[in-house]
N, C-alpha and C. Protein backbone atom coordinates (compact mmCIF):
# COMPACT_ATOMS: atom_id res chain seq x y z
N UNK A 1 -50.92 -197.55 59.32
CA UNK A 1 -51.59 -196.28 59.11
C UNK A 1 -50.70 -195.14 59.50
N UNK A 2 -50.03 -195.30 60.67
CA UNK A 2 -49.13 -194.26 61.15
C UNK A 2 -47.98 -194.13 60.18
N UNK A 3 -47.53 -195.13 59.56
CA UNK A 3 -46.43 -195.06 58.62
C UNK A 3 -46.78 -194.29 57.38
N UNK A 4 -48.03 -194.44 56.90
CA UNK A 4 -48.47 -193.70 55.71
C UNK A 4 -48.56 -192.24 56.00
N UNK A 5 -49.09 -191.89 57.21
CA UNK A 5 -49.21 -190.46 57.55
C UNK A 5 -47.83 -189.83 57.66
N UNK A 6 -46.90 -190.61 58.20
CA UNK A 6 -45.56 -190.04 58.35
C UNK A 6 -44.92 -189.79 57.00
N UNK A 7 -45.13 -190.75 56.07
CA UNK A 7 -44.54 -190.54 54.75
C UNK A 7 -45.21 -189.40 54.00
N UNK A 8 -46.55 -189.29 54.21
CA UNK A 8 -47.29 -188.19 53.55
C UNK A 8 -46.83 -186.86 54.07
N UNK A 9 -46.65 -186.78 55.39
CA UNK A 9 -46.21 -185.48 55.97
C UNK A 9 -44.82 -185.15 55.48
N UNK A 10 -43.98 -186.17 55.38
CA UNK A 10 -42.63 -185.92 54.91
C UNK A 10 -42.63 -185.47 53.46
N UNK A 11 -43.55 -186.07 52.67
CA UNK A 11 -43.65 -185.73 51.25
C UNK A 11 -44.15 -184.30 51.06
N UNK A 12 -45.12 -183.89 51.88
CA UNK A 12 -45.68 -182.54 51.76
C UNK A 12 -44.74 -181.47 52.29
N UNK A 13 -43.85 -181.85 53.21
CA UNK A 13 -42.97 -180.82 53.80
C UNK A 13 -41.90 -180.34 52.83
N UNK A 14 -41.61 -181.14 51.81
CA UNK A 14 -40.56 -180.73 50.84
C UNK A 14 -40.94 -179.51 50.04
N UNK A 15 -42.15 -179.51 49.40
CA UNK A 15 -42.50 -178.28 48.66
C UNK A 15 -42.69 -177.07 49.58
N UNK A 16 -43.15 -177.28 50.83
CA UNK A 16 -43.33 -176.14 51.75
C UNK A 16 -42.00 -175.52 52.07
N UNK A 17 -41.00 -176.37 52.33
CA UNK A 17 -39.66 -175.81 52.63
C UNK A 17 -39.07 -175.12 51.42
N UNK A 18 -39.34 -175.68 50.23
CA UNK A 18 -38.83 -175.04 49.01
C UNK A 18 -39.45 -173.67 48.80
N UNK A 19 -40.77 -173.58 49.06
CA UNK A 19 -41.45 -172.27 48.90
C UNK A 19 -40.91 -171.27 49.89
N UNK A 20 -40.68 -171.70 51.11
CA UNK A 20 -40.14 -170.77 52.13
C UNK A 20 -38.75 -170.30 51.73
N UNK A 21 -37.96 -171.23 51.19
CA UNK A 21 -36.61 -170.82 50.76
C UNK A 21 -36.66 -169.82 49.63
N UNK A 22 -37.62 -169.99 48.73
CA UNK A 22 -37.75 -169.05 47.63
C UNK A 22 -38.12 -167.65 48.11
N UNK A 23 -39.05 -167.60 49.07
CA UNK A 23 -39.48 -166.29 49.61
C UNK A 23 -38.34 -165.58 50.30
N UNK A 24 -37.56 -166.34 51.07
CA UNK A 24 -36.44 -165.73 51.80
C UNK A 24 -35.39 -165.22 50.82
N UNK A 25 -35.11 -166.03 49.77
CA UNK A 25 -34.11 -165.61 48.78
C UNK A 25 -34.54 -164.36 48.05
N UNK A 26 -35.82 -164.27 47.71
CA UNK A 26 -36.32 -163.09 47.00
C UNK A 26 -36.28 -161.86 47.88
N UNK A 27 -36.55 -162.06 49.17
CA UNK A 27 -36.54 -160.92 50.10
C UNK A 27 -35.14 -160.36 50.25
N UNK A 28 -34.15 -161.23 50.38
CA UNK A 28 -32.76 -160.79 50.52
C UNK A 28 -32.30 -160.07 49.27
N UNK A 29 -32.74 -160.54 48.09
CA UNK A 29 -32.32 -159.92 46.83
C UNK A 29 -32.99 -158.59 46.59
N UNK A 30 -33.98 -158.21 47.38
CA UNK A 30 -34.65 -156.92 47.21
C UNK A 30 -35.89 -156.97 46.41
N UNK A 31 -36.35 -158.13 46.02
CA UNK A 31 -37.55 -158.18 45.19
C UNK A 31 -38.77 -158.55 45.96
N UNK A 32 -38.65 -158.91 47.25
CA UNK A 32 -39.82 -159.35 47.99
C UNK A 32 -40.45 -158.26 48.79
N UNK A 33 -41.53 -158.62 49.47
CA UNK A 33 -42.25 -157.60 50.23
C UNK A 33 -41.50 -157.11 51.43
N UNK A 34 -40.45 -157.84 51.89
CA UNK A 34 -39.71 -157.41 53.08
C UNK A 34 -38.43 -156.68 52.72
N UNK A 35 -38.27 -156.37 51.42
CA UNK A 35 -37.02 -155.74 51.00
C UNK A 35 -36.81 -154.41 51.67
N UNK A 36 -37.88 -153.63 51.84
CA UNK A 36 -37.75 -152.30 52.43
C UNK A 36 -37.36 -152.34 53.87
N UNK A 37 -37.79 -153.45 54.57
CA UNK A 37 -37.49 -153.50 55.99
C UNK A 37 -36.15 -154.13 56.26
N UNK A 38 -35.61 -154.97 55.33
CA UNK A 38 -34.34 -155.64 55.55
C UNK A 38 -33.17 -154.85 55.03
N UNK A 39 -33.40 -153.85 54.12
CA UNK A 39 -32.31 -153.06 53.55
C UNK A 39 -31.80 -152.08 54.59
N UNK A 40 -30.57 -152.25 55.00
CA UNK A 40 -29.99 -151.37 56.03
C UNK A 40 -29.17 -150.24 55.44
N UNK A 41 -29.14 -150.09 54.10
CA UNK A 41 -28.35 -149.01 53.50
C UNK A 41 -28.97 -147.66 53.84
N UNK A 42 -28.14 -146.66 54.19
CA UNK A 42 -28.71 -145.32 54.52
C UNK A 42 -29.31 -144.65 53.31
N UNK A 43 -30.33 -143.86 53.57
CA UNK A 43 -30.99 -143.10 52.49
C UNK A 43 -30.09 -141.95 52.07
N UNK A 44 -29.77 -141.86 50.78
CA UNK A 44 -28.86 -140.77 50.35
C UNK A 44 -29.51 -139.41 50.56
N UNK A 45 -28.67 -138.42 50.99
CA UNK A 45 -29.13 -137.04 51.22
C UNK A 45 -28.86 -136.24 49.97
N UNK A 46 -29.86 -135.57 49.43
CA UNK A 46 -29.62 -134.79 48.20
C UNK A 46 -28.59 -133.70 48.43
N UNK A 47 -27.72 -133.51 47.46
CA UNK A 47 -26.67 -132.49 47.56
C UNK A 47 -27.25 -131.10 47.38
N UNK A 48 -26.68 -130.12 48.16
CA UNK A 48 -27.13 -128.71 48.04
C UNK A 48 -26.16 -127.88 47.22
N UNK A 49 -25.10 -128.53 46.72
CA UNK A 49 -24.09 -127.80 45.95
C UNK A 49 -24.63 -127.47 44.56
N UNK A 50 -24.51 -126.19 44.16
CA UNK A 50 -24.95 -125.76 42.84
C UNK A 50 -23.73 -125.69 41.94
N UNK A 51 -23.73 -126.49 40.88
CA UNK A 51 -22.61 -126.46 39.96
C UNK A 51 -21.47 -127.31 40.46
N UNK A 52 -20.36 -127.31 39.76
CA UNK A 52 -19.20 -128.12 40.15
C UNK A 52 -18.53 -127.56 41.38
N UNK A 53 -17.73 -128.33 42.09
CA UNK A 53 -17.04 -127.84 43.30
C UNK A 53 -16.19 -126.62 42.99
N UNK A 54 -16.17 -125.66 43.92
CA UNK A 54 -15.40 -124.44 43.73
C UNK A 54 -16.17 -123.32 43.07
N UNK A 55 -17.39 -123.63 42.53
CA UNK A 55 -18.20 -122.58 41.90
C UNK A 55 -18.89 -121.76 42.98
N UNK A 56 -18.72 -120.42 43.00
CA UNK A 56 -19.38 -119.60 44.05
C UNK A 56 -20.89 -119.66 43.92
N UNK A 57 -21.52 -119.64 45.06
CA UNK A 57 -22.98 -119.67 45.09
C UNK A 57 -23.53 -118.34 44.57
N UNK A 58 -24.35 -118.35 43.53
CA UNK A 58 -24.85 -117.08 42.97
C UNK A 58 -25.74 -116.36 43.97
N UNK A 59 -25.65 -115.01 43.96
CA UNK A 59 -26.50 -114.21 44.84
C UNK A 59 -27.93 -114.24 44.34
N UNK A 60 -28.85 -114.16 45.25
CA UNK A 60 -30.26 -114.14 44.80
C UNK A 60 -30.55 -112.91 43.98
N UNK A 61 -31.46 -113.03 43.02
CA UNK A 61 -31.78 -111.87 42.18
C UNK A 61 -32.33 -110.73 43.01
N UNK A 62 -32.03 -109.51 42.56
CA UNK A 62 -32.56 -108.33 43.24
C UNK A 62 -31.61 -107.75 44.28
N UNK A 63 -30.44 -108.39 44.50
CA UNK A 63 -29.49 -107.85 45.48
C UNK A 63 -28.82 -106.62 44.89
N UNK A 64 -28.92 -105.43 45.53
CA UNK A 64 -28.33 -104.21 44.96
C UNK A 64 -26.80 -104.25 45.02
N UNK A 65 -26.16 -103.78 43.96
CA UNK A 65 -24.71 -103.69 43.92
C UNK A 65 -24.28 -102.39 44.61
N UNK A 66 -23.37 -102.45 45.60
CA UNK A 66 -22.98 -101.21 46.29
C UNK A 66 -22.29 -100.25 45.34
N UNK A 67 -22.67 -98.95 45.45
CA UNK A 67 -22.07 -97.92 44.61
C UNK A 67 -20.68 -97.58 45.12
N UNK A 68 -19.69 -97.35 44.23
CA UNK A 68 -18.35 -96.97 44.69
C UNK A 68 -18.35 -95.59 45.33
N UNK A 69 -17.58 -95.43 46.38
CA UNK A 69 -17.50 -94.14 47.07
C UNK A 69 -16.67 -93.18 46.24
N UNK A 70 -17.22 -91.99 45.89
CA UNK A 70 -16.46 -91.04 45.07
C UNK A 70 -15.26 -90.51 45.85
N UNK A 71 -14.14 -90.22 45.15
CA UNK A 71 -12.96 -89.67 45.85
C UNK A 71 -13.26 -88.28 46.40
N UNK A 72 -12.61 -87.92 47.51
CA UNK A 72 -12.86 -86.59 48.07
C UNK A 72 -12.38 -85.50 47.13
N UNK A 73 -13.13 -84.45 47.06
CA UNK A 73 -12.78 -83.35 46.18
C UNK A 73 -11.96 -82.32 46.95
N UNK A 74 -11.09 -81.72 46.24
CA UNK A 74 -10.26 -80.69 46.88
C UNK A 74 -11.05 -79.41 47.07
N UNK A 75 -10.80 -78.74 48.17
CA UNK A 75 -11.50 -77.47 48.38
C UNK A 75 -11.09 -76.42 47.38
N UNK A 76 -12.00 -75.54 47.08
CA UNK A 76 -11.71 -74.46 46.15
C UNK A 76 -10.72 -73.48 46.78
N UNK A 77 -9.74 -72.95 45.97
CA UNK A 77 -8.79 -71.99 46.54
C UNK A 77 -9.48 -70.70 46.94
N UNK A 78 -8.99 -70.07 48.00
CA UNK A 78 -9.55 -68.81 48.48
C UNK A 78 -9.01 -67.67 47.65
N UNK A 79 -9.87 -66.83 47.08
CA UNK A 79 -9.37 -65.72 46.26
C UNK A 79 -8.64 -64.70 47.13
N UNK A 80 -7.66 -63.98 46.54
CA UNK A 80 -6.93 -62.98 47.32
C UNK A 80 -7.84 -61.83 47.71
N UNK A 81 -7.55 -61.16 48.83
CA UNK A 81 -8.38 -60.03 49.24
C UNK A 81 -8.26 -58.88 48.26
N UNK A 82 -9.33 -58.13 48.09
CA UNK A 82 -9.32 -56.99 47.18
C UNK A 82 -8.95 -55.70 47.88
N UNK A 83 -8.83 -55.73 49.19
CA UNK A 83 -8.44 -54.54 49.94
C UNK A 83 -7.35 -54.91 50.93
N UNK A 84 -6.81 -53.91 51.59
CA UNK A 84 -5.72 -54.16 52.54
C UNK A 84 -6.21 -54.96 53.73
N UNK A 85 -5.44 -55.97 54.16
CA UNK A 85 -5.81 -56.74 55.35
C UNK A 85 -5.81 -55.85 56.59
N UNK A 86 -6.47 -56.28 57.68
CA UNK A 86 -6.49 -55.46 58.88
C UNK A 86 -5.11 -55.34 59.50
N UNK A 87 -4.93 -54.31 60.30
CA UNK A 87 -3.69 -54.04 61.05
C UNK A 87 -2.54 -53.55 60.18
N UNK A 88 -2.79 -53.25 58.90
CA UNK A 88 -1.75 -52.65 58.07
C UNK A 88 -1.81 -51.13 58.21
N UNK A 89 -0.72 -50.48 57.82
CA UNK A 89 -0.58 -49.05 58.12
C UNK A 89 -0.19 -48.23 56.89
N UNK A 90 -0.40 -46.95 57.00
CA UNK A 90 0.01 -46.00 55.96
C UNK A 90 -0.16 -44.58 56.48
N UNK A 91 0.65 -43.66 55.97
CA UNK A 91 0.59 -42.25 56.40
C UNK A 91 0.28 -41.35 55.20
N UNK A 92 -0.42 -40.28 55.44
CA UNK A 92 -0.87 -39.39 54.37
C UNK A 92 0.28 -38.53 53.84
N UNK A 93 0.03 -37.93 52.65
CA UNK A 93 1.04 -37.04 52.08
C UNK A 93 1.26 -35.81 52.96
N UNK A 94 0.19 -35.42 53.70
CA UNK A 94 0.33 -34.28 54.61
C UNK A 94 1.34 -34.58 55.72
N UNK A 95 1.32 -35.79 56.25
CA UNK A 95 2.26 -36.16 57.31
C UNK A 95 3.69 -36.14 56.79
N UNK A 96 3.93 -36.76 55.63
CA UNK A 96 5.28 -36.83 55.09
C UNK A 96 5.79 -35.44 54.70
N UNK A 97 4.89 -34.58 54.27
CA UNK A 97 5.29 -33.23 53.90
C UNK A 97 5.76 -32.43 55.11
N UNK A 98 5.12 -32.66 56.26
CA UNK A 98 5.44 -31.91 57.47
C UNK A 98 6.52 -32.57 58.32
N UNK A 99 6.88 -33.79 58.03
CA UNK A 99 7.85 -34.52 58.84
C UNK A 99 8.94 -35.14 57.95
N UNK A 100 9.77 -34.31 57.34
CA UNK A 100 10.84 -34.86 56.49
C UNK A 100 11.86 -35.69 57.28
N UNK A 101 11.95 -35.46 58.59
CA UNK A 101 12.89 -36.24 59.40
C UNK A 101 12.44 -37.70 59.56
N UNK A 102 11.18 -37.98 59.26
CA UNK A 102 10.65 -39.34 59.37
C UNK A 102 10.89 -40.16 58.10
N UNK A 103 11.45 -39.51 57.08
CA UNK A 103 11.68 -40.23 55.82
C UNK A 103 12.80 -41.26 56.00
N UNK A 104 12.71 -42.33 55.25
CA UNK A 104 13.73 -43.37 55.30
C UNK A 104 13.98 -43.89 53.89
N UNK A 105 15.25 -43.80 53.47
CA UNK A 105 15.62 -44.33 52.16
C UNK A 105 15.54 -43.31 51.04
N UNK A 106 14.88 -42.19 51.25
CA UNK A 106 14.72 -41.17 50.22
C UNK A 106 14.98 -39.78 50.83
N UNK A 107 15.39 -38.87 49.94
CA UNK A 107 15.68 -37.51 50.37
C UNK A 107 14.60 -36.56 49.87
N UNK A 108 14.19 -35.55 50.68
CA UNK A 108 13.19 -34.59 50.21
C UNK A 108 13.60 -33.85 48.94
N UNK A 109 14.92 -33.74 48.71
CA UNK A 109 15.39 -33.02 47.52
C UNK A 109 15.50 -33.92 46.28
N UNK A 110 15.27 -35.17 46.43
CA UNK A 110 15.33 -36.11 45.31
C UNK A 110 14.18 -35.85 44.36
N UNK A 111 14.42 -35.95 43.04
CA UNK A 111 13.38 -35.64 42.07
C UNK A 111 12.42 -36.81 41.87
N UNK A 112 11.22 -36.48 41.43
CA UNK A 112 10.20 -37.50 41.14
C UNK A 112 10.67 -38.41 40.01
N UNK A 113 11.33 -37.80 38.99
CA UNK A 113 11.79 -38.56 37.83
C UNK A 113 12.89 -39.56 38.17
N UNK A 114 13.55 -39.40 39.32
CA UNK A 114 14.59 -40.35 39.70
C UNK A 114 13.98 -41.66 40.24
N UNK A 115 12.69 -41.62 40.48
CA UNK A 115 12.01 -42.81 41.03
C UNK A 115 10.99 -43.36 40.04
N UNK A 116 10.12 -42.50 39.52
CA UNK A 116 9.04 -42.92 38.63
C UNK A 116 9.37 -42.53 37.19
N UNK A 117 8.93 -43.37 36.23
CA UNK A 117 9.23 -43.13 34.82
C UNK A 117 7.97 -42.76 34.05
N UNK A 118 8.19 -42.01 32.93
CA UNK A 118 7.10 -41.73 32.01
C UNK A 118 6.26 -40.51 32.35
N UNK A 119 6.54 -39.81 33.43
CA UNK A 119 5.75 -38.65 33.81
C UNK A 119 6.18 -37.43 32.98
N UNK A 120 5.28 -36.48 32.76
CA UNK A 120 5.65 -35.24 32.06
C UNK A 120 6.81 -34.53 32.79
N UNK A 121 7.61 -33.83 32.04
CA UNK A 121 8.79 -33.18 32.62
C UNK A 121 8.43 -32.22 33.73
N UNK A 122 7.27 -31.57 33.62
CA UNK A 122 6.87 -30.62 34.66
C UNK A 122 6.66 -31.30 36.01
N UNK A 123 6.31 -32.56 36.02
CA UNK A 123 6.12 -33.33 37.27
C UNK A 123 7.40 -34.09 37.60
N UNK A 124 8.05 -34.67 36.59
CA UNK A 124 9.25 -35.48 36.81
C UNK A 124 10.38 -34.65 37.43
N UNK A 125 10.43 -33.34 37.11
CA UNK A 125 11.51 -32.50 37.62
C UNK A 125 11.26 -31.99 39.04
N UNK A 126 10.10 -32.22 39.59
CA UNK A 126 9.78 -31.76 40.94
C UNK A 126 10.54 -32.56 41.98
N UNK A 127 10.86 -31.91 43.11
CA UNK A 127 11.41 -32.63 44.25
C UNK A 127 10.29 -33.47 44.88
N UNK A 128 10.68 -34.52 45.56
CA UNK A 128 9.68 -35.37 46.21
C UNK A 128 8.87 -34.57 47.24
N UNK A 129 9.54 -33.66 47.94
CA UNK A 129 8.84 -32.85 48.94
C UNK A 129 7.81 -31.94 48.29
N UNK A 130 8.12 -31.43 47.07
CA UNK A 130 7.17 -30.57 46.36
C UNK A 130 6.03 -31.38 45.75
N UNK A 131 6.32 -32.60 45.36
CA UNK A 131 5.29 -33.46 44.75
C UNK A 131 4.19 -33.77 45.77
N UNK A 132 4.55 -33.82 47.05
CA UNK A 132 3.54 -34.09 48.08
C UNK A 132 2.53 -32.95 48.21
N UNK A 133 2.86 -31.76 47.68
CA UNK A 133 2.00 -30.59 47.81
C UNK A 133 1.23 -30.28 46.53
N UNK A 134 1.36 -31.15 45.54
CA UNK A 134 0.66 -30.93 44.27
C UNK A 134 -0.85 -30.87 44.50
N UNK A 135 -1.51 -30.06 43.70
CA UNK A 135 -2.97 -29.95 43.73
C UNK A 135 -3.51 -30.36 42.37
N UNK A 136 -4.74 -30.86 42.37
CA UNK A 136 -5.37 -31.25 41.11
C UNK A 136 -5.50 -32.76 41.00
N UNK A 137 -6.11 -33.17 39.87
CA UNK A 137 -6.36 -34.60 39.66
C UNK A 137 -5.44 -35.19 38.62
N UNK A 138 -5.85 -36.32 38.06
CA UNK A 138 -5.06 -36.96 37.01
C UNK A 138 -3.70 -37.39 37.50
N UNK A 139 -2.65 -37.09 36.70
CA UNK A 139 -1.29 -37.49 37.03
C UNK A 139 -0.77 -36.76 38.28
N UNK A 140 -1.25 -35.54 38.52
CA UNK A 140 -0.81 -34.81 39.71
C UNK A 140 -1.29 -35.52 40.99
N UNK A 141 -2.54 -35.93 40.97
CA UNK A 141 -3.08 -36.65 42.13
C UNK A 141 -2.37 -37.99 42.32
N UNK A 142 -2.11 -38.67 41.20
CA UNK A 142 -1.42 -39.95 41.29
C UNK A 142 -0.01 -39.76 41.84
N UNK A 143 0.69 -38.73 41.39
CA UNK A 143 2.06 -38.49 41.87
C UNK A 143 2.07 -38.17 43.35
N UNK A 144 1.11 -37.40 43.79
CA UNK A 144 1.01 -37.04 45.21
C UNK A 144 0.85 -38.30 46.08
N UNK A 145 -0.07 -39.15 45.70
CA UNK A 145 -0.32 -40.37 46.46
C UNK A 145 0.83 -41.39 46.29
N UNK A 146 1.45 -41.36 45.12
CA UNK A 146 2.54 -42.30 44.86
C UNK A 146 3.75 -42.01 45.74
N UNK A 147 4.09 -40.73 45.92
CA UNK A 147 5.23 -40.38 46.78
C UNK A 147 4.94 -40.75 48.23
N UNK A 148 3.73 -40.49 48.70
CA UNK A 148 3.35 -40.86 50.07
C UNK A 148 3.41 -42.38 50.24
N UNK A 149 2.96 -43.13 49.23
CA UNK A 149 2.99 -44.58 49.29
C UNK A 149 4.43 -45.08 49.31
N UNK A 150 5.29 -44.47 48.51
CA UNK A 150 6.69 -44.87 48.45
C UNK A 150 7.36 -44.69 49.82
N UNK A 151 7.12 -43.54 50.47
CA UNK A 151 7.72 -43.27 51.77
C UNK A 151 7.18 -44.21 52.85
N UNK A 152 5.89 -44.55 52.76
CA UNK A 152 5.31 -45.48 53.72
C UNK A 152 5.88 -46.89 53.56
N UNK A 153 6.05 -47.32 52.31
CA UNK A 153 6.58 -48.65 52.05
C UNK A 153 8.05 -48.76 52.43
N UNK A 154 8.79 -47.64 52.35
CA UNK A 154 10.23 -47.66 52.64
C UNK A 154 10.53 -47.56 54.13
N UNK A 155 9.59 -47.11 54.92
CA UNK A 155 9.85 -46.90 56.35
C UNK A 155 9.65 -48.18 57.14
N UNK A 156 10.65 -48.62 57.92
CA UNK A 156 10.52 -49.87 58.68
C UNK A 156 9.53 -49.78 59.83
N UNK A 157 9.15 -48.56 60.21
CA UNK A 157 8.19 -48.39 61.30
C UNK A 157 6.73 -48.39 60.83
N UNK A 158 6.54 -48.51 59.52
CA UNK A 158 5.20 -48.50 58.94
C UNK A 158 4.96 -49.84 58.25
N UNK A 159 3.89 -50.51 58.62
CA UNK A 159 3.55 -51.82 58.02
C UNK A 159 2.66 -51.57 56.81
N UNK A 160 3.29 -51.09 55.73
CA UNK A 160 2.52 -50.71 54.54
C UNK A 160 2.06 -51.96 53.78
N UNK A 161 0.88 -51.89 53.12
CA UNK A 161 0.31 -53.08 52.45
C UNK A 161 1.14 -53.63 51.30
N UNK A 162 1.92 -52.77 50.59
CA UNK A 162 2.71 -53.22 49.45
C UNK A 162 4.15 -52.72 49.60
N UNK A 163 5.04 -53.27 48.79
CA UNK A 163 6.46 -52.92 48.88
C UNK A 163 6.78 -51.71 48.01
N UNK A 164 8.02 -51.20 48.20
CA UNK A 164 8.48 -50.08 47.36
C UNK A 164 8.45 -50.46 45.88
N UNK A 165 8.98 -51.65 45.56
CA UNK A 165 9.03 -52.09 44.16
C UNK A 165 7.63 -52.18 43.56
N UNK A 166 6.67 -52.63 44.36
CA UNK A 166 5.29 -52.72 43.84
C UNK A 166 4.71 -51.34 43.60
N UNK A 167 5.01 -50.39 44.49
CA UNK A 167 4.52 -49.01 44.29
C UNK A 167 5.05 -48.47 42.97
N UNK A 168 6.38 -48.60 42.76
CA UNK A 168 7.00 -48.08 41.55
C UNK A 168 6.43 -48.76 40.30
N UNK A 169 6.33 -50.07 40.31
CA UNK A 169 5.83 -50.80 39.14
C UNK A 169 4.39 -50.44 38.82
N UNK A 170 3.56 -50.32 39.85
CA UNK A 170 2.14 -50.01 39.62
C UNK A 170 1.97 -48.60 39.06
N UNK A 171 2.74 -47.65 39.61
CA UNK A 171 2.64 -46.26 39.12
C UNK A 171 3.15 -46.16 37.69
N UNK A 172 4.30 -46.77 37.40
CA UNK A 172 4.85 -46.71 36.05
C UNK A 172 3.90 -47.35 35.03
N UNK A 173 3.27 -48.46 35.41
CA UNK A 173 2.35 -49.14 34.49
C UNK A 173 1.12 -48.28 34.23
N UNK A 174 0.60 -47.62 35.26
CA UNK A 174 -0.58 -46.76 35.10
C UNK A 174 -0.26 -45.57 34.21
N UNK A 175 0.92 -44.97 34.43
CA UNK A 175 1.32 -43.82 33.60
C UNK A 175 1.50 -44.25 32.15
N UNK A 176 2.14 -45.40 31.93
CA UNK A 176 2.39 -45.90 30.57
C UNK A 176 1.09 -46.25 29.85
N UNK A 177 0.07 -46.64 30.60
CA UNK A 177 -1.20 -47.03 29.96
C UNK A 177 -1.90 -45.83 29.32
N UNK A 178 -1.70 -44.65 29.88
CA UNK A 178 -2.37 -43.47 29.36
C UNK A 178 -3.87 -43.49 29.59
N UNK A 179 -4.36 -44.45 30.36
CA UNK A 179 -5.79 -44.59 30.61
C UNK A 179 -6.20 -43.77 31.83
N UNK A 180 -7.15 -42.89 31.64
CA UNK A 180 -7.64 -42.06 32.74
C UNK A 180 -8.25 -42.94 33.84
N UNK A 181 -9.01 -43.94 33.44
CA UNK A 181 -9.66 -44.82 34.41
C UNK A 181 -8.62 -45.58 35.23
N UNK A 182 -7.56 -46.06 34.57
CA UNK A 182 -6.50 -46.79 35.28
C UNK A 182 -5.78 -45.89 36.25
N UNK A 183 -5.47 -44.68 35.84
CA UNK A 183 -4.77 -43.72 36.70
C UNK A 183 -5.62 -43.37 37.91
N UNK A 184 -6.91 -43.12 37.69
CA UNK A 184 -7.80 -42.76 38.80
C UNK A 184 -7.99 -43.94 39.76
N UNK A 185 -8.08 -45.14 39.21
CA UNK A 185 -8.26 -46.32 40.04
C UNK A 185 -7.06 -46.52 40.97
N UNK A 186 -5.84 -46.39 40.42
CA UNK A 186 -4.64 -46.57 41.25
C UNK A 186 -4.53 -45.44 42.27
N UNK A 187 -4.90 -44.22 41.87
CA UNK A 187 -4.88 -43.10 42.81
C UNK A 187 -5.78 -43.37 44.01
N UNK A 188 -6.97 -43.90 43.73
CA UNK A 188 -7.92 -44.22 44.81
C UNK A 188 -7.36 -45.31 45.72
N UNK A 189 -6.73 -46.32 45.13
CA UNK A 189 -6.17 -47.42 45.92
C UNK A 189 -5.06 -46.92 46.84
N UNK A 190 -4.12 -46.15 46.31
CA UNK A 190 -3.01 -45.64 47.11
C UNK A 190 -3.51 -44.66 48.18
N UNK A 191 -4.51 -43.89 47.85
CA UNK A 191 -5.09 -42.96 48.82
C UNK A 191 -5.67 -43.73 50.00
N UNK A 192 -6.34 -44.85 49.71
CA UNK A 192 -6.89 -45.67 50.78
C UNK A 192 -5.80 -46.25 51.67
N UNK A 193 -4.71 -46.71 51.06
CA UNK A 193 -3.58 -47.23 51.84
C UNK A 193 -2.96 -46.14 52.72
N UNK A 194 -2.84 -44.94 52.16
CA UNK A 194 -2.19 -43.85 52.88
C UNK A 194 -3.04 -43.31 54.03
N UNK A 195 -4.31 -43.67 54.05
CA UNK A 195 -5.19 -43.22 55.11
C UNK A 195 -5.39 -44.28 56.20
N UNK A 196 -4.65 -45.38 56.13
CA UNK A 196 -4.80 -46.44 57.12
C UNK A 196 -4.34 -45.98 58.51
N UNK A 197 -3.34 -45.07 58.52
CA UNK A 197 -2.80 -44.61 59.80
C UNK A 197 -1.77 -45.57 60.35
N UNK A 198 -0.95 -45.06 61.27
CA UNK A 198 0.08 -45.88 61.93
C UNK A 198 0.17 -45.38 63.37
N UNK A 199 -0.60 -45.99 64.27
CA UNK A 199 -0.62 -45.53 65.66
C UNK A 199 0.80 -45.47 66.26
N UNK A 200 1.07 -44.32 66.87
CA UNK A 200 2.38 -44.12 67.48
C UNK A 200 3.43 -43.59 66.51
N UNK A 201 3.06 -43.49 65.22
CA UNK A 201 4.02 -42.99 64.23
C UNK A 201 3.48 -41.78 63.49
N UNK A 202 2.30 -41.90 62.95
CA UNK A 202 1.72 -40.79 62.20
C UNK A 202 0.23 -40.64 62.53
């Protein structure tokens, strides 16, 4: 009896071992219920790279593009003054008429025509000292102020607003224009210069 049981147990153990071997083989191959617990391979991490390597990451939409800084602008040039700057000097025709010894570069007996051009002969033939005493307007007034301006510009002790050459050019241009308005305007300008004064001199 014991021999039969032993043979029966031995006979039944063969299919049981075969079934166990099948389960183990399937589990190792990944098809069994233990595949998830026996697989030791790491879980792949999804890549965060957008596009192929070396492609810059695009900026999120709505990012403002910085505006270029405009180049600095140059300051506007300062216009020249329309009147004589401060601290400039000038002496009146009355001073030059009474102080011929203060003249520099010109002689009281020198004629107006030797300096200024285009004036009528009645004025051009006058001495510079006589021209300072002219009365009246128009060309007479211009000549009076022009001689005083010339003497002020020529004197090194007077800081006159314009040079001798400028006085001569301005007077000749005004006379040549024949314009009453131009002549009167220059007369007013020279008169203003001649009234600036020169402390310690006139």
